[in-house]
Amino acid sequence: MNKSLLIIILSLIATGSAHSLSEDKLIELTSKAYTRAAAGLIYDYCSGEDAFLEILYSKRCKCAIKAGKAKNRAAVGLIVDQCGL
């Protein structure tokens, strides 16, 4: 278990930013947003991500994705305030 975990971690370090978010993936994330404000947040905060799994995204990107699930602009504002964006 430890050996396989070490191999995975080393391979992630060695690849560097080879797995950065592509424009297609970024557009896919923004298209799931219910409001334009949330789509803008997702585009702004997730464009520089270099994780290949959504679970590895930064806290700011995860918050923007969470804001994208809000159905109206007021809810987006509340989520953004809670996250501190």
C-alpha atoms as a PDB file:
ATOM      1  CA  MET A   1       0.000   0.000   0.000  1.00  0.00           C
ATOM      2  CA  ASN A   2       2.714   2.465   1.004  1.00  0.00           C
ATOM      3  CA  LYS A   3       4.820   1.554  -1.991  1.00  0.00           C
ATOM      4  CA  SER A   4       1.993   2.106  -4.466  1.00  0.00           C
ATOM      5  CA  LEU A   5       1.094   5.405  -2.810  1.00  0.00           C
ATOM      6  CA  LEU A   6       4.704   6.531  -3.052  1.00  0.00           C
ATOM      7  CA  ILE A   7       4.797   5.617  -6.750  1.00  0.00           C
ATOM      8  CA  ILE A   8       1.638   7.621  -7.419  1.00  0.00           C
ATOM      9  CA  ILE A   9       2.940  10.658  -5.559  1.00  0.00           C
ATOM     10  CA  LEU A  10       6.291  10.546  -7.331  1.00  0.00           C
ATOM     11  CA  SER A  11       4.633  10.219 -10.717  1.00  0.00           C
ATOM     12  CA  LEU A  12       2.441  13.248  -9.965  1.00  0.00           C
ATOM     13  CA  ILE A  13       5.473  15.284  -8.993  1.00  0.00           C
ATOM     14  CA  ALA A  14       7.427  14.152 -12.042  1.00  0.00           C
ATOM     15  CA  THR A  15       4.684  15.042 -14.507  1.00  0.00           C
ATOM     16  CA  GLY A  16       4.480  18.632 -13.301  1.00  0.00           C
ATOM     17  CA  SER A  17       1.841  20.640 -15.117  1.00  0.00           C
ATOM     18  CA  ALA A  18       1.378  18.117 -17.905  1.00  0.00           C
ATOM     19  CA  HIS A  19      -2.113  17.500 -16.594  1.00  0.00           C
ATOM     20  CA  SER A  20      -3.234  21.119 -16.377  1.00  0.00           C
ATOM     21  CA  LEU A  21      -6.854  21.872 -17.130  1.00  0.00           C
ATOM     22  CA  SER A  22      -7.503  22.051 -20.829  1.00  0.00           C
ATOM     23  CA  GLU A  23      -9.749  24.692 -22.324  1.00  0.00           C
ATOM     24  CA  ASP A  24     -12.325  21.993 -23.078  1.00  0.00           C
ATOM     25  CA  LYS A  25     -12.478  20.862 -19.449  1.00  0.00           C
ATOM     26  CA  LEU A  26     -12.716  24.462 -18.281  1.00  0.00           C
ATOM     27  CA  ILE A  27     -15.595  25.126 -20.669  1.00  0.00           C
ATOM     28  CA  GLU A  28     -17.270  21.933 -19.474  1.00  0.00           C
ATOM     29  CA  LEU A  29     -17.030  23.112 -15.858  1.00  0.00           C
ATOM     30  CA  THR A  30     -18.397  26.570 -16.673  1.00  0.00           C
ATOM     31  CA  SER A  31     -21.250  25.167 -18.747  1.00  0.00           C
ATOM     32  CA  LYS A  32     -22.582  23.374 -15.663  1.00  0.00           C
ATOM     33  CA  ALA A  33     -23.033  26.696 -13.823  1.00  0.00           C
ATOM     34  CA  TYR A  34     -26.572  28.007 -13.497  1.00  0.00           C
ATOM     35  CA  THR A  35     -25.648  31.713 -13.506  1.00  0.00           C
ATOM     36  CA  ARG A  36     -23.221  33.816 -15.506  1.00  0.00           C
ATOM     37  CA  ALA A  37     -21.626  35.120 -12.324  1.00  0.00           C
ATOM     38  CA  ALA A  38     -20.817  31.591 -11.188  1.00  0.00           C
ATOM     39  CA  ALA A  39     -19.510  30.686 -14.641  1.00  0.00           C
ATOM     40  CA  GLY A  40     -17.161  33.671 -14.455  1.00  0.00           C
ATOM     41  CA  LEU A  41     -15.955  32.583 -11.030  1.00  0.00           C
ATOM     42  CA  ILE A  42     -15.273  29.066 -12.255  1.00  0.00           C
ATOM     43  CA  TYR A  43     -13.374  30.363 -15.255  1.00  0.00           C
ATOM     44  CA  ASP A  44     -11.325  32.782 -13.152  1.00  0.00           C
ATOM     45  CA  TYR A  45     -10.456  30.483 -10.256  1.00  0.00           C
ATOM     46  CA  CYS A  46     -10.098  27.168 -12.088  1.00  0.00           C
ATOM     47  CA  SER A  47      -8.189  28.247 -15.198  1.00  0.00           C
ATOM     48  CA  GLY A  48      -4.778  27.793 -13.557  1.00  0.00           C
ATOM     49  CA  GLU A  49      -5.467  24.402 -11.991  1.00  0.00           C
ATOM     50  CA  ASP A  50      -2.933  21.692 -12.668  1.00  0.00           C
ATOM     51  CA  ALA A  51      -4.736  18.818 -10.941  1.00  0.00           C
ATOM     52  CA  PHE A  52      -6.129  16.023 -13.051  1.00  0.00           C
ATOM     53  CA  LEU A  53      -8.850  14.966 -10.606  1.00  0.00           C
ATOM     54  CA  GLU A  54     -11.550  17.278  -9.330  1.00  0.00           C
ATOM     55  CA  ILE A  55     -10.841  16.191  -5.772  1.00  0.00           C
ATOM     56  CA  LEU A  56      -7.327  17.671  -6.091  1.00  0.00           C
ATOM     57  CA  TYR A  57      -8.493  21.138  -7.186  1.00  0.00           C
ATOM     58  CA  SER A  58      -7.631  24.091  -4.987  1.00  0.00           C
ATOM     59  CA  LYS A  59     -10.004  25.346  -2.314  1.00  0.00           C
ATOM     60  CA  ARG A  60     -10.855  28.412  -4.407  1.00  0.00           C
ATOM     61  CA  CYS A  61     -11.701  26.351  -7.476  1.00  0.00           C
ATOM     62  CA  LYS A  62     -13.851  23.967  -5.436  1.00  0.00           C
ATOM     63  CA  CYS A  63     -15.691  26.947  -3.982  1.00  0.00           C
ATOM     64  CA  ALA A  64     -16.309  28.379  -7.449  1.00  0.00           C
ATOM     65  CA  ILE A  65     -17.680  25.020  -8.600  1.00  0.00           C
ATOM     66  CA  LYS A  66     -19.932  24.939  -5.536  1.00  0.00           C
ATOM     67  CA  ALA A  67     -21.146  28.448  -6.404  1.00  0.00           C
ATOM     68  CA  GLY A  68     -21.918  27.193  -9.902  1.00  0.00           C
ATOM     69  CA  LYS A  69     -24.482  24.813  -8.440  1.00  0.00           C
ATOM     70  CA  ALA A  70     -26.470  27.707  -6.957  1.00  0.00           C
ATOM     71  CA  LYS A  71     -29.669  28.476  -8.841  1.00  0.00           C
ATOM     72  CA  ASN A  72     -29.601  32.279  -8.461  1.00  0.00           C
ATOM     73  CA  ARG A  73     -27.156  35.130  -8.066  1.00  0.00           C
ATOM     74  CA  ALA A  74     -27.998  35.761  -4.400  1.00  0.00           C
ATOM     75  CA  ALA A  75     -27.100  32.181  -3.513  1.00  0.00           C
ATOM     76  CA  VAL A  76     -23.858  32.536  -5.473  1.00  0.00           C
ATOM     77  CA  GLY A  77     -23.030  35.607  -3.373  1.00  0.00           C
ATOM     78  CA  LEU A  78     -23.692  33.737  -0.142  1.00  0.00           C
ATOM     79  CA  ILE A  79     -21.459  30.834  -1.147  1.00  0.00           C
ATOM     80  CA  VAL A  80     -18.690  33.174  -2.247  1.00  0.00           C
ATOM     81  CA  ASP A  81     -18.900  35.052   1.061  1.00  0.00           C
ATOM     82  CA  GLN A  82     -18.705  31.799   3.024  1.00  0.00           C
ATOM     83  CA  CYS A  83     -15.616  30.701   1.110  1.00  0.00           C
ATOM     84  CA  GLY A  84     -13.930  34.072   1.342  1.00  0.00           C
ATOM     85  CA  LEU A  85     -13.463  34.628  -2.382  1.00  0.00           C
END
